[in-house]
Amino acid sequence: MVQVKIKWGKNEYDIEVEDESVDVFKAQVYTETNVPPERQKYTGFPGGMLKDTDNILEKAQKLKPGAKVMLIGTAEGGELKKPTEKIVFEEDLTPEEKAKLLKEKKVEMLPPGMKNLGNTCYMNSCVQCLSSIPDLRTALESYDAPAAQGRDQDTVLTSQFKTVAQMLKGTTEAITPLPFVVALRERFPRFAEMQNGGYMQQDADECMRGLLTVLSQTLTSESGNKIDDLFSFNMKSTLKCLECDEEPPQENIETTRVLMCHLGTPTEPVSHIHQGIALSMKEHIEKNSPVLGRNAQYEKASSLASLPSYLVVQFARFGYKGANDWAGTTASKVKLTRKCAFSHSFDAFDLASDELKKKLSVGRLKKKEQDDAALERERAKLGKGGNSSSSSAKPADGDVEMKDAEADVEMSPPPGEELDTGYYELIAIVSHKGRTADGGHYVGWVKFKKADGKENKEDTWILFDDETTSFETWNNMVGLSTDLQGGKVDTQIAYINIYRKITVKDQGNVLGSGEEKKEEAKAA
């Protein structure tokens, strides 16, 4: 009798060999492993693979002391089974099915682009930026078009916009928005103008304003319409006669959806977005003076009387240049490429009216205290501790500096109320490359992921260049090769910036009180 050590997978068995027959040996192994004899294959015996005609007793006697024989075979019940569900390969999936699967797996993927259908880059960039706004996308989803007999050009264009927004969220390949383009050109014949057998380039600002105007007529809400709920704000203007001190100033409230940023003059250029907006909010006009009985010069000074949820800022990049017979040039819209700096945040406090500043001061103080408390909690987690306050820290590059609240501000707003701070974050950009408004190329930029200081060291954006999309970082967007702030002629320069309002929620405690700090300490 010879004992053979069998290794099968992770298990080992000691089999006593008394008979010369291989069939008897396999039957012994079957009782231990449940591997049928016809499936058993052995390696490790002298002479190679074990055959059914071999003398198992002789082979076992030739094994070296401690040697192991390897068994290969599948036990009964462990066979491969036919899959219960049909296997579908990735290349067999439609773009819609692939997008749905990636969302379910929470895989980060680039959103689809939009094909250019004849100088439609101005439209593609506007649509990509607008459809990236969650509140607007939700309003479009809930829109129900009227019956066929009750439809007009506005309802048709809104329905097509809704379809495009759904397609951009439901596929991985570039879409062809032909019905939307047709509806846009029917509603605004200007966008159907042709030259030399092709469609002409158009102004992205005119396209965006036109789309917002149409949507304001179709996307209704309890307060009026969803577009005004999201984008409209009030401007308080004061009109003062510069030639007659006896004429009292005239105050007026105007509602608008776009804030202009002028770029100054060649001799007095604007270098920052705040400077440009402030310049656009003060102008000189000529009108009839009821006191003087003739035309006189007036100064119109404006300030923000309210803040929208989404602030649209347009850079006055294009100007009109008249024809010059002597030089042989025709009239055209020229582009101002001078640099106007902006960051990924925006502070509207200095542009606000005195009444609005008092309201903003409450939220700013609340936000500062909450940010300080969060910073202290982070310090505590790191084991640094200390009693130093973050209020003395300098703001990071590109961030806005918070200002203290006014002394006469009411310090106890209703509990749970969302408080305005005057701060905004940049979420989308429409930029233009070229020397004139009648040519060049538009692209859209949408913020994808905000920097967290850990895995994401800087903001990640998505560049929508018609049907091509790509990930970009903020440093590349304002870097050497591409600087959206301007200063270079033949590169993309920001034309329209879209900002999202930053609010802070009041917890019901008196601002600056010890009770508030106790509540924040509990939250830690």
Protein backbone atom coordinates (compact mmCIF):
# COMPACT_ATOMS: atom_id res chain seq x y z
CA MET A 1 0.00 0.00 0.00
CA VAL A 2 1.31 3.46 -1.00
CA GLN A 3 -0.10 6.82 0.10
CA VAL A 4 -0.40 9.50 -2.60
CA LYS A 5 -0.87 13.17 -1.71
CA ILE A 6 -3.35 14.81 -4.12
CA LYS A 7 -3.61 18.63 -4.48
CA TRP A 8 -6.85 19.97 -5.99
CA GLY A 9 -7.21 23.71 -5.97
CA LYS A 10 -6.58 24.84 -2.40
CA ASN A 11 -7.39 21.41 -0.93
CA GLU A 12 -5.12 18.43 -0.34
CA TYR A 13 -6.12 14.79 0.08
CA ASP A 14 -4.22 11.60 1.11
CA ILE A 15 -5.28 8.65 -1.07
CA GLU A 16 -4.12 5.06 -0.17
CA VAL A 17 -3.25 3.07 -3.33
CA GLU A 18 -3.57 -0.71 -2.95
CA ASP A 19 -4.68 -1.76 -6.45
CA GLU A 20 -2.91 -1.44 -9.79
CA SER A 21 -6.08 -0.21 -11.56
CA VAL A 22 -6.31 3.48 -12.44
CA ASP A 23 -10.13 3.19 -12.46
CA VAL A 24 -10.12 2.17 -8.81
CA PHE A 25 -7.81 5.09 -7.98
CA LYS A 26 -10.08 7.56 -9.76
CA ALA A 27 -13.10 6.15 -7.94
CA GLN A 28 -11.34 6.79 -4.62
CA VAL A 29 -10.59 10.37 -5.62
CA TYR A 30 -14.20 10.84 -6.75
CA THR A 31 -15.49 9.97 -3.27
CA GLU A 32 -13.25 12.68 -1.79
CA THR A 33 -13.56 15.48 -4.35
CA ASN A 34 -16.81 14.78 -6.23
CA VAL A 35 -14.86 15.12 -9.50
CA PRO A 36 -16.17 12.44 -11.93
CA PRO A 37 -13.49 9.98 -13.18
CA GLU A 38 -13.92 11.04 -16.82
CA ARG A 39 -12.99 14.63 -15.85
CA GLN A 40 -9.91 13.75 -13.78
CA LYS A 41 -6.51 14.69 -15.20
CA TYR A 42 -3.27 14.26 -13.23
CA THR A 43 0.17 15.85 -13.49
CA GLY A 44 3.15 15.06 -11.29
CA PHE A 45 3.40 11.31 -11.76
CA PRO A 46 6.69 10.02 -13.21
CA GLY A 47 6.40 9.57 -16.96
CA GLY A 48 3.98 12.40 -17.61
CA MET A 49 0.19 12.49 -17.59
CA LEU A 50 -1.53 9.53 -15.95
CA LYS A 51 -3.18 7.20 -18.49
CA ASP A 52 -6.01 4.72 -17.88
CA THR A 53 -3.71 1.87 -18.98
CA ASP A 54 -0.94 2.74 -16.49
CA ASN A 55 -0.08 0.74 -13.35
CA ILE A 56 -1.00 3.26 -10.68
CA LEU A 57 0.72 1.28 -7.92
CA GLU A 58 4.09 1.32 -9.70
CA LYS A 59 3.79 5.04 -10.47
CA ALA A 60 2.92 5.81 -6.85
CA GLN A 61 5.98 3.89 -5.62
CA LYS A 62 8.25 5.99 -7.87
CA LEU A 63 7.07 9.27 -6.33
CA LYS A 64 9.63 11.11 -4.22
CA PRO A 65 8.85 11.49 -0.50
CA GLY A 66 6.56 14.52 0.06
CA ALA A 67 5.75 14.91 -3.63
CA LYS A 68 2.28 16.08 -4.58
CA VAL A 69 0.20 15.12 -7.59
CA MET A 70 -1.96 17.83 -9.14
CA LEU A 71 -5.59 17.01 -9.96
CA ILE A 72 -7.29 18.96 -12.72
CA GLY A 73 -11.05 18.71 -13.11
CA THR A 74 -14.42 20.26 -12.24
CA ALA A 75 -16.61 18.76 -9.54
CA GLU A 76 -20.21 17.90 -10.26
CA GLY A 77 -22.42 21.00 -9.88
CA GLY A 78 -19.53 23.37 -10.58
CA GLU A 79 -19.91 23.39 -14.36
CA LEU A 80 -20.19 26.65 -16.30
CA LYS A 81 -23.82 27.58 -16.76
CA LYS A 82 -25.49 29.46 -19.53
CA PRO A 83 -25.97 33.11 -18.53
CA THR A 84 -29.50 33.97 -17.45
CA GLU A 85 -29.26 37.33 -19.24
CA LYS A 86 -28.15 37.95 -22.77
CA ILE A 87 -24.64 39.38 -22.99
CA VAL A 88 -24.53 42.70 -24.82
CA PHE A 89 -21.18 44.12 -25.92
CA GLU A 90 -20.41 47.86 -25.73
CA GLU A 91 -20.07 48.21 -29.48
CA ASP A 92 -23.61 46.88 -29.88
CA LEU A 93 -25.14 49.56 -27.64
CA THR A 94 -26.83 52.64 -29.06
CA PRO A 95 -25.50 56.04 -27.86
CA GLU A 96 -28.64 56.42 -25.72
CA GLU A 97 -28.20 52.98 -24.10
CA LYS A 98 -24.51 53.66 -23.49
CA ALA A 99 -25.28 57.01 -21.81
CA LYS A 100 -27.89 55.37 -19.55
CA LEU A 101 -25.50 52.59 -18.55
CA LEU A 102 -22.66 55.00 -17.75
CA LYS A 103 -25.00 57.11 -15.58
CA GLU A 104 -26.12 54.00 -13.68
CA LYS A 105 -22.47 53.05 -13.09
CA LYS A 106 -21.74 56.68 -12.10
CA VAL A 107 -18.97 56.90 -14.67
CA GLU A 108 -17.78 60.41 -15.50
CA MET A 109 -18.23 60.97 -19.20
CA LEU A 110 -17.99 63.88 -21.57
CA PRO A 111 -21.42 65.20 -22.60
CA PRO A 112 -22.21 65.20 -26.32
CA GLY A 113 -21.58 68.11 -28.64
CA MET A 114 -23.80 69.64 -31.31
CA LYS A 115 -23.06 69.41 -35.03
CA ASN A 116 -22.52 72.66 -36.90
CA LEU A 117 -25.29 73.07 -39.48
CA GLY A 118 -23.92 76.06 -41.35
CA ASN A 119 -22.26 78.68 -39.13
CA THR A 120 -24.39 77.65 -36.13
CA CYS A 121 -21.52 77.73 -33.62
CA TYR A 122 -23.08 80.87 -32.08
CA MET A 123 -26.26 78.89 -31.41
CA ASN A 124 -24.50 75.70 -30.24
CA SER A 125 -22.46 77.56 -27.62
CA CYS A 126 -25.52 79.41 -26.26
CA VAL A 127 -27.64 76.26 -26.08
CA GLN A 128 -24.90 74.27 -24.31
CA CYS A 129 -24.44 77.00 -21.70
CA LEU A 130 -28.16 77.56 -21.09
CA SER A 131 -29.04 73.86 -20.98
CA SER A 132 -26.35 73.33 -18.32
CA ILE A 133 -28.36 75.47 -15.85
CA PRO A 134 -30.31 72.95 -13.70
CA ASP A 135 -33.19 75.33 -12.90
CA LEU A 136 -33.76 76.13 -16.56
CA ARG A 137 -33.49 72.48 -17.55
CA THR A 138 -36.12 71.58 -14.93
CA ALA A 139 -38.45 74.26 -16.29
CA LEU A 140 -38.03 72.89 -19.81
CA GLU A 141 -38.74 69.33 -18.61
CA SER A 142 -42.05 70.43 -17.10
CA TYR A 143 -43.12 72.32 -20.23
CA ASP A 144 -46.15 70.88 -22.04
CA ALA A 145 -46.67 72.18 -25.55
CA PRO A 146 -50.22 73.17 -26.47
CA ALA A 147 -52.28 71.29 -29.04
CA ALA A 148 -51.35 71.68 -32.70
CA GLN A 149 -54.01 74.29 -33.38
CA GLY A 150 -52.78 76.43 -30.48
CA ARG A 151 -49.09 76.43 -31.36
CA ASP A 152 -47.12 79.40 -32.61
CA GLN A 153 -43.45 80.00 -33.37
CA ASP A 154 -42.60 80.54 -29.68
CA THR A 155 -44.16 77.25 -28.53
CA VAL A 156 -42.55 75.33 -31.38
CA LEU A 157 -39.10 76.77 -30.58
CA THR A 158 -39.56 76.00 -26.87
CA SER A 159 -40.59 72.41 -27.65
CA GLN A 160 -37.52 71.96 -29.84
CA PHE A 161 -35.30 73.47 -27.12
CA LYS A 162 -36.75 70.94 -24.67
CA THR A 163 -36.00 68.11 -27.09
CA VAL A 164 -32.40 69.28 -27.58
CA ALA A 165 -31.87 69.53 -23.80
CA GLN A 166 -33.15 65.96 -23.39
CA MET A 167 -30.94 64.67 -26.20
CA LEU A 168 -27.86 66.29 -24.65
CA LYS A 169 -28.52 64.38 -21.44
CA GLY A 170 -29.47 61.07 -23.05
CA THR A 171 -26.66 60.20 -25.46
CA THR A 172 -22.88 60.03 -25.78
CA GLU A 173 -22.55 61.09 -29.42
CA ALA A 174 -22.92 64.53 -30.99
CA ILE A 175 -26.51 65.42 -31.83
CA THR A 176 -27.87 67.01 -35.01
CA PRO A 177 -30.29 69.76 -33.88
CA LEU A 178 -31.82 70.37 -37.32
CA PRO A 179 -35.47 70.86 -36.17
CA PHE A 180 -34.28 73.35 -33.53
CA VAL A 181 -32.26 75.31 -36.11
CA VAL A 182 -35.26 75.44 -38.45
CA ALA A 183 -37.52 76.68 -35.62
CA LEU A 184 -34.93 79.30 -34.56
CA ARG A 185 -34.57 80.67 -38.09
CA GLU A 186 -38.33 80.80 -38.57
CA ARG A 187 -38.76 82.72 -35.31
CA PHE A 188 -35.78 85.01 -36.00
CA PRO A 189 -35.36 85.42 -39.79
CA ARG A 190 -32.12 87.31 -39.19
CA PHE A 191 -30.43 84.00 -38.33
CA ALA A 192 -31.39 82.68 -41.78
CA GLU A 193 -29.45 85.36 -43.67
CA MET A 194 -27.20 83.95 -46.38
CA GLN A 195 -24.08 85.14 -48.16
CA ASN A 196 -22.14 83.53 -50.99
CA GLY A 197 -24.43 80.50 -50.90
CA GLY A 198 -24.06 79.79 -47.17
CA TYR A 199 -25.56 80.88 -43.89
CA MET A 200 -23.92 83.93 -42.32
CA GLN A 201 -22.26 84.03 -38.91
CA GLN A 202 -24.48 85.61 -36.25
CA ASP A 203 -24.07 87.28 -32.86
CA ALA A 204 -24.23 84.88 -29.89
CA ASP A 205 -25.56 87.66 -27.65
CA GLU A 206 -28.49 88.25 -29.98
CA CYS A 207 -29.17 84.51 -30.01
CA MET A 208 -29.11 84.21 -26.23
CA ARG A 209 -31.31 87.27 -25.71
CA GLY A 210 -33.73 85.97 -28.33
CA LEU A 211 -33.97 82.55 -26.69
CA LEU A 212 -34.56 84.08 -23.26
CA THR A 213 -37.27 86.33 -24.70
CA VAL A 214 -39.06 83.37 -26.29
CA LEU A 215 -38.79 81.23 -23.15
CA SER A 216 -40.15 84.08 -21.04
CA GLN A 217 -43.36 83.85 -23.08
CA THR A 218 -43.77 80.08 -22.73
CA LEU A 219 -42.25 78.96 -19.42
CA THR A 220 -44.82 80.40 -17.02
CA SER A 221 -44.57 80.42 -13.23
CA GLU A 222 -46.61 81.63 -10.26
CA SER A 223 -44.79 84.97 -10.28
CA GLY A 224 -44.97 85.44 -14.05
CA ASN A 225 -42.42 83.43 -16.02
CA LYS A 226 -39.45 81.24 -15.16
CA ILE A 227 -36.92 83.28 -17.14
CA ASP A 228 -37.57 86.44 -15.12
CA ASP A 229 -37.48 84.33 -11.94
CA LEU A 230 -33.98 83.14 -12.83
CA PHE A 231 -32.33 85.94 -14.82
CA SER A 232 -34.13 89.27 -14.31
CA PHE A 233 -33.03 91.92 -11.83
CA ASN A 234 -33.88 95.55 -11.07
CA MET A 235 -31.62 98.50 -11.73
CA LYS A 236 -32.16 101.72 -9.79
CA SER A 237 -31.21 104.72 -11.90
CA THR A 238 -30.89 108.40 -11.00
CA LEU A 239 -31.04 110.99 -13.77
CA LYS A 240 -29.46 114.35 -12.88
CA CYS A 241 -29.26 117.45 -15.07
CA LEU A 242 -25.70 118.73 -15.30
CA GLU A 243 -26.75 122.20 -16.49
CA CYS A 244 -29.47 123.05 -13.99
CA ASP A 245 -29.11 122.56 -10.24
CA GLU A 246 -32.73 123.58 -9.67
CA GLU A 247 -34.05 120.55 -11.57
CA PRO A 248 -34.61 117.72 -9.08
CA PRO A 249 -33.03 114.30 -9.88
CA GLN A 250 -35.33 111.69 -11.38
CA GLU A 251 -35.27 108.17 -9.95
CA ASN A 252 -36.47 105.14 -11.87
CA ILE A 253 -36.50 101.34 -11.58
CA GLU A 254 -35.67 99.35 -14.70
CA THR A 255 -35.80 95.56 -15.19
CA THR A 256 -33.20 93.80 -17.31
CA ARG A 257 -31.63 90.37 -17.81
CA VAL A 258 -28.10 91.30 -18.91
CA LEU A 259 -25.41 93.37 -17.21
CA MET A 260 -23.06 95.14 -19.60
CA CYS A 261 -19.29 95.42 -19.16
CA HIS A 262 -17.76 98.21 -21.24
CA LEU A 263 -14.08 98.07 -22.13
CA GLY A 264 -13.28 101.78 -22.02
CA THR A 265 -11.37 103.63 -24.71
CA PRO A 266 -7.89 103.23 -26.21
CA THR A 267 -6.66 106.08 -24.02
CA GLU A 268 -8.59 104.98 -20.91
CA PRO A 269 -8.94 101.18 -21.18
CA VAL A 270 -10.75 98.99 -18.66
CA SER A 271 -8.60 96.31 -17.05
CA HIS A 272 -11.08 94.47 -14.77
CA ILE A 273 -14.68 93.29 -15.03
CA HIS A 274 -15.75 95.33 -11.98
CA GLN A 275 -14.31 98.47 -13.52
CA GLY A 276 -16.07 97.78 -16.83
CA ILE A 277 -19.46 97.14 -15.24
CA ALA A 278 -19.15 100.24 -13.08
CA LEU A 279 -18.37 102.24 -16.23
CA SER A 280 -21.47 100.88 -17.97
CA MET A 281 -23.65 101.91 -15.01
CA LYS A 282 -22.78 105.57 -15.44
CA GLU A 283 -23.48 107.38 -18.70
CA HIS A 284 -24.15 110.84 -20.12
CA ILE A 285 -27.21 111.45 -22.26
CA GLU A 286 -28.86 114.42 -23.90
CA LYS A 287 -32.57 115.04 -23.43
CA ASN A 288 -35.05 117.85 -23.13
CA SER A 289 -34.99 119.70 -19.80
CA PRO A 290 -38.46 120.82 -18.63
CA VAL A 291 -36.84 123.54 -16.49
CA LEU A 292 -34.50 124.94 -19.16
CA GLY A 293 -36.94 124.36 -22.00
CA ARG A 294 -34.22 122.93 -24.26
CA ASN A 295 -31.97 119.90 -24.65
CA ALA A 296 -29.42 119.54 -21.89
CA GLN A 297 -26.76 117.11 -20.70
CA TYR A 298 -27.75 114.58 -18.03
CA GLU A 299 -25.81 112.06 -16.02
CA LYS A 300 -27.48 108.69 -15.49
CA ALA A 301 -26.08 106.70 -12.55
CA SER A 302 -27.40 103.16 -11.95
CA SER A 303 -27.03 100.58 -9.22
CA LEU A 304 -28.33 97.09 -8.58
CA ALA A 305 -31.62 97.11 -6.68
CA SER A 306 -31.97 93.31 -6.69
CA LEU A 307 -29.89 90.27 -7.57
CA PRO A 308 -30.89 87.46 -9.96
CA SER A 309 -30.30 83.77 -9.33
CA TYR A 310 -28.18 83.71 -12.50
CA LEU A 311 -26.30 86.82 -13.56
CA VAL A 312 -25.50 87.23 -17.26
CA VAL A 313 -22.61 89.62 -18.01
CA GLN A 314 -21.91 90.62 -21.60
CA PHE A 315 -18.56 92.11 -22.54
CA ALA A 316 -18.96 94.93 -25.08
CA ARG A 317 -16.47 93.26 -27.42
CA PHE A 318 -17.97 94.44 -30.69
CA GLY A 319 -18.23 98.01 -31.94
CA TYR A 320 -19.40 99.60 -35.15
CA LYS A 321 -16.88 101.03 -37.59
CA GLY A 322 -18.32 103.25 -40.30
CA ALA A 323 -17.39 103.14 -43.95
CA ASN A 324 -14.41 105.15 -45.16
CA ASP A 325 -14.52 106.18 -48.80
CA TRP A 326 -10.95 107.46 -48.75
CA ALA A 327 -9.62 104.18 -47.35
CA GLY A 328 -12.01 102.12 -49.44
CA THR A 329 -13.46 100.22 -46.45
CA THR A 330 -17.09 99.31 -45.83
CA ALA A 331 -19.02 99.55 -42.57
CA SER A 332 -18.45 96.59 -40.23
CA LYS A 333 -18.56 95.40 -36.64
CA VAL A 334 -15.04 95.35 -35.25
CA LYS A 335 -13.85 93.42 -32.22
CA LEU A 336 -12.20 94.92 -29.14
CA THR A 337 -9.61 92.42 -27.96
CA ARG A 338 -8.15 94.31 -25.02
CA LYS A 339 -7.77 92.32 -21.82
CA CYS A 340 -10.47 92.54 -19.15
CA ALA A 341 -9.57 90.37 -16.17
CA PHE A 342 -12.12 88.25 -14.33
CA SER A 343 -11.93 85.27 -12.00
CA HIS A 344 -14.10 82.24 -11.20
CA SER A 345 -15.98 84.36 -8.64
CA PHE A 346 -17.72 87.73 -8.74
CA ASP A 347 -18.71 90.19 -6.00
CA ALA A 348 -21.65 92.49 -6.78
CA PHE A 349 -21.62 94.32 -3.42
CA ASP A 350 -20.00 97.55 -4.66
CA LEU A 351 -22.47 97.71 -7.55
CA ALA A 352 -25.53 97.49 -5.29
CA SER A 353 -27.76 100.31 -4.09
CA ASP A 354 -27.50 101.45 -0.47
CA GLU A 355 -30.72 99.61 0.42
CA LEU A 356 -29.49 96.37 -1.13
CA LYS A 357 -26.07 96.68 0.50
CA LYS A 358 -27.72 96.64 3.94
CA LYS A 359 -29.47 93.38 3.08
CA LEU A 360 -26.33 91.85 1.62
CA SER A 361 -24.31 92.74 4.70
CA VAL A 362 -26.45 90.38 6.80
CA GLY A 363 -25.75 87.43 4.53
CA ARG A 364 -22.08 88.30 4.16
CA LEU A 365 -21.55 88.34 7.90
CA LYS A 366 -23.46 85.07 8.25
CA LYS A 367 -21.38 83.46 5.49
CA LYS A 368 -18.16 84.69 7.04
CA GLU A 369 -19.06 83.22 10.42
CA GLN A 370 -20.06 79.91 8.90
CA ASP A 371 -16.89 79.77 6.81
CA ASP A 372 -14.81 80.58 9.90
CA ALA A 373 -16.56 77.83 11.88
CA ALA A 374 -15.97 75.33 9.07
CA LEU A 375 -12.30 76.30 8.94
CA GLU A 376 -11.94 75.83 12.68
CA ARG A 377 -13.51 72.38 12.41
CA GLU A 378 -11.01 71.44 9.72
CA ARG A 379 -8.16 72.68 11.88
CA ALA A 380 -9.47 70.63 14.77
CA LYS A 381 -9.56 67.51 12.59
CA LEU A 382 -5.96 68.09 11.59
CA GLY A 383 -5.00 68.46 15.24
CA LYS A 384 -3.69 71.98 14.83
CA GLY A 385 -6.22 73.68 17.08
CA GLY A 386 -5.42 77.24 18.01
CA ASN A 387 -7.58 80.29 18.62
CA SER A 388 -6.61 82.14 15.46
CA SER A 389 -9.48 83.43 13.40
CA SER A 390 -9.69 83.06 9.65
CA SER A 391 -11.02 86.58 9.41
CA SER A 392 -7.48 87.90 9.24
CA ALA A 393 -6.45 85.51 6.48
CA LYS A 394 -5.93 86.89 3.02
CA PRO A 395 -8.34 85.68 0.35
CA ALA A 396 -7.05 83.10 -2.09
CA ASP A 397 -6.08 84.18 -5.56
CA GLY A 398 -9.21 84.81 -7.59
CA ASP A 399 -11.52 84.81 -4.58
CA VAL A 400 -13.47 87.81 -3.39
CA GLU A 401 -12.74 89.63 -0.16
CA MET A 402 -15.64 89.79 2.31
CA LYS A 403 -16.63 93.11 3.78
CA ASP A 404 -18.01 93.72 7.26
CA ALA A 405 -21.69 94.39 7.85
CA GLU A 406 -22.98 97.90 8.32
CA ALA A 407 -23.51 99.05 11.88
CA ASP A 408 -27.22 99.82 11.44
CA VAL A 409 -28.17 96.50 9.79
CA GLU A 410 -31.08 94.55 11.24
CA MET A 411 -29.30 91.49 12.63
CA SER A 412 -32.14 89.01 13.06
CA PRO A 413 -33.62 87.85 9.73
CA PRO A 414 -36.38 85.22 9.71
CA PRO A 415 -35.06 81.74 10.66
CA GLY A 416 -34.35 79.42 7.74
CA GLU A 417 -34.34 82.23 5.15
CA GLU A 418 -31.88 82.09 2.25
CA LEU A 419 -29.78 85.24 2.55
CA ASP A 420 -28.14 86.96 -0.41
CA THR A 421 -24.43 87.63 -0.05
CA GLY A 422 -23.64 89.43 -3.30
CA TYR A 423 -21.22 86.65 -4.21
CA TYR A 424 -21.47 84.73 -7.47
CA GLU A 425 -19.56 81.80 -8.98
CA LEU A 426 -18.79 81.55 -12.68
CA ILE A 427 -20.52 78.52 -14.25
CA ALA A 428 -20.57 79.12 -18.03
CA ILE A 429 -18.84 81.19 -20.72
CA VAL A 430 -19.52 81.88 -24.37
CA SER A 431 -16.32 82.96 -26.11
CA HIS A 432 -15.44 84.16 -29.61
CA LYS A 433 -12.34 83.81 -31.74
CA GLY A 434 -11.83 86.18 -34.65
CA ARG A 435 -11.48 89.83 -35.56
CA THR A 436 -15.09 90.68 -36.50
CA ALA A 437 -18.58 89.81 -35.35
CA ASP A 438 -19.49 88.70 -38.87
CA GLY A 439 -16.89 85.95 -38.83
CA GLY A 440 -14.80 83.90 -36.44
CA HIS A 441 -15.91 81.02 -34.28
CA TYR A 442 -17.87 80.65 -31.03
CA VAL A 443 -17.43 77.95 -28.35
CA GLY A 444 -19.04 77.32 -24.99
CA TRP A 445 -17.45 76.53 -21.62
CA VAL A 446 -19.35 74.95 -18.70
CA LYS A 447 -18.03 74.26 -15.21
CA PHE A 448 -18.03 70.49 -14.61
CA LYS A 449 -16.44 70.02 -11.21
CA LYS A 450 -15.38 72.50 -8.54
CA ALA A 451 -11.95 72.29 -6.93
CA ASP A 452 -12.00 70.72 -3.46
CA GLY A 453 -8.32 71.10 -2.59
CA LYS A 454 -7.94 67.31 -2.42
CA GLU A 455 -8.49 65.18 -5.50
CA ASN A 456 -9.44 68.17 -7.64
CA LYS A 457 -6.76 70.82 -7.22
CA GLU A 458 -8.47 73.24 -9.62
CA ASP A 459 -11.83 73.68 -11.30
CA THR A 460 -12.59 71.33 -14.18
CA TRP A 461 -14.52 72.70 -17.15
CA ILE A 462 -15.95 71.24 -20.34
CA LEU A 463 -15.19 72.92 -23.67
CA PHE A 464 -18.04 72.62 -26.20
CA ASP A 465 -16.57 73.22 -29.66
CA ASP A 466 -19.55 72.26 -31.83
CA GLU A 467 -19.54 68.43 -31.94
CA THR A 468 -16.20 68.13 -30.11
CA THR A 469 -16.09 68.20 -26.31
CA SER A 470 -13.11 68.03 -23.97
CA PHE A 471 -12.14 68.55 -20.34
CA GLU A 472 -10.21 71.73 -19.53
CA THR A 473 -8.77 73.26 -16.36
CA TRP A 474 -9.19 76.85 -15.25
CA ASN A 475 -5.45 77.51 -15.47
CA ASN A 476 -5.47 76.44 -19.13
CA MET A 477 -8.47 78.67 -19.84
CA VAL A 478 -6.65 81.77 -18.60
CA GLY A 479 -3.14 80.62 -19.47
CA LEU A 480 -0.59 81.40 -22.14
CA SER A 481 -2.08 79.60 -25.15
CA THR A 482 -5.72 80.46 -24.39
CA ASP A 483 -6.65 83.46 -22.27
CA LEU A 484 -10.38 84.04 -22.16
CA GLN A 485 -9.72 87.39 -20.45
CA GLY A 486 -8.52 88.82 -23.77
CA GLY A 487 -5.41 90.59 -24.95
CA LYS A 488 -4.71 88.29 -27.91
CA VAL A 489 -6.33 88.67 -31.30
CA ASP A 490 -6.52 85.16 -32.72
CA THR A 491 -7.66 83.21 -29.67
CA GLN A 492 -10.90 82.58 -27.84
CA ILE A 493 -12.01 85.60 -25.72
CA ALA A 494 -14.92 85.62 -23.28
CA TYR A 495 -18.01 87.35 -24.67
CA ILE A 496 -20.77 86.27 -22.26
CA ASN A 497 -20.26 85.11 -18.66
CA ILE A 498 -23.00 83.39 -16.67
CA TYR A 499 -22.73 83.42 -12.86
CA ARG A 500 -24.72 81.54 -10.22
CA LYS A 501 -25.73 83.32 -7.02
CA ILE A 502 -24.23 82.15 -3.72
CA THR A 503 -26.63 82.34 -0.77
CA VAL A 504 -26.33 81.34 2.85
CA LYS A 505 -29.06 79.84 5.00
CA ASP A 506 -29.87 81.53 8.29
CA GLN A 507 -30.17 79.12 11.22
CA GLY A 508 -32.26 81.46 13.37
CA ASN A 509 -29.48 82.64 15.73
CA VAL A 510 -28.44 86.25 16.18
CA LEU A 511 -25.49 87.00 13.98
CA GLY A 512 -22.23 87.24 15.86
CA SER A 513 -23.71 85.76 19.06
CA GLY A 514 -22.21 83.05 21.16
CA GLU A 515 -25.34 80.95 20.70
CA GLU A 516 -24.65 80.71 16.99
CA LYS A 517 -21.13 79.51 17.59
CA LYS A 518 -22.46 76.87 20.02
CA GLU A 519 -24.86 75.60 17.36
CA GLU A 520 -22.05 75.43 14.81
CA ALA A 521 -19.85 73.62 17.32
CA LYS A 522 -22.58 70.98 17.78
CA ALA A 523 -22.73 70.51 14.01
CA ALA A 524 -19.04 69.64 14.06
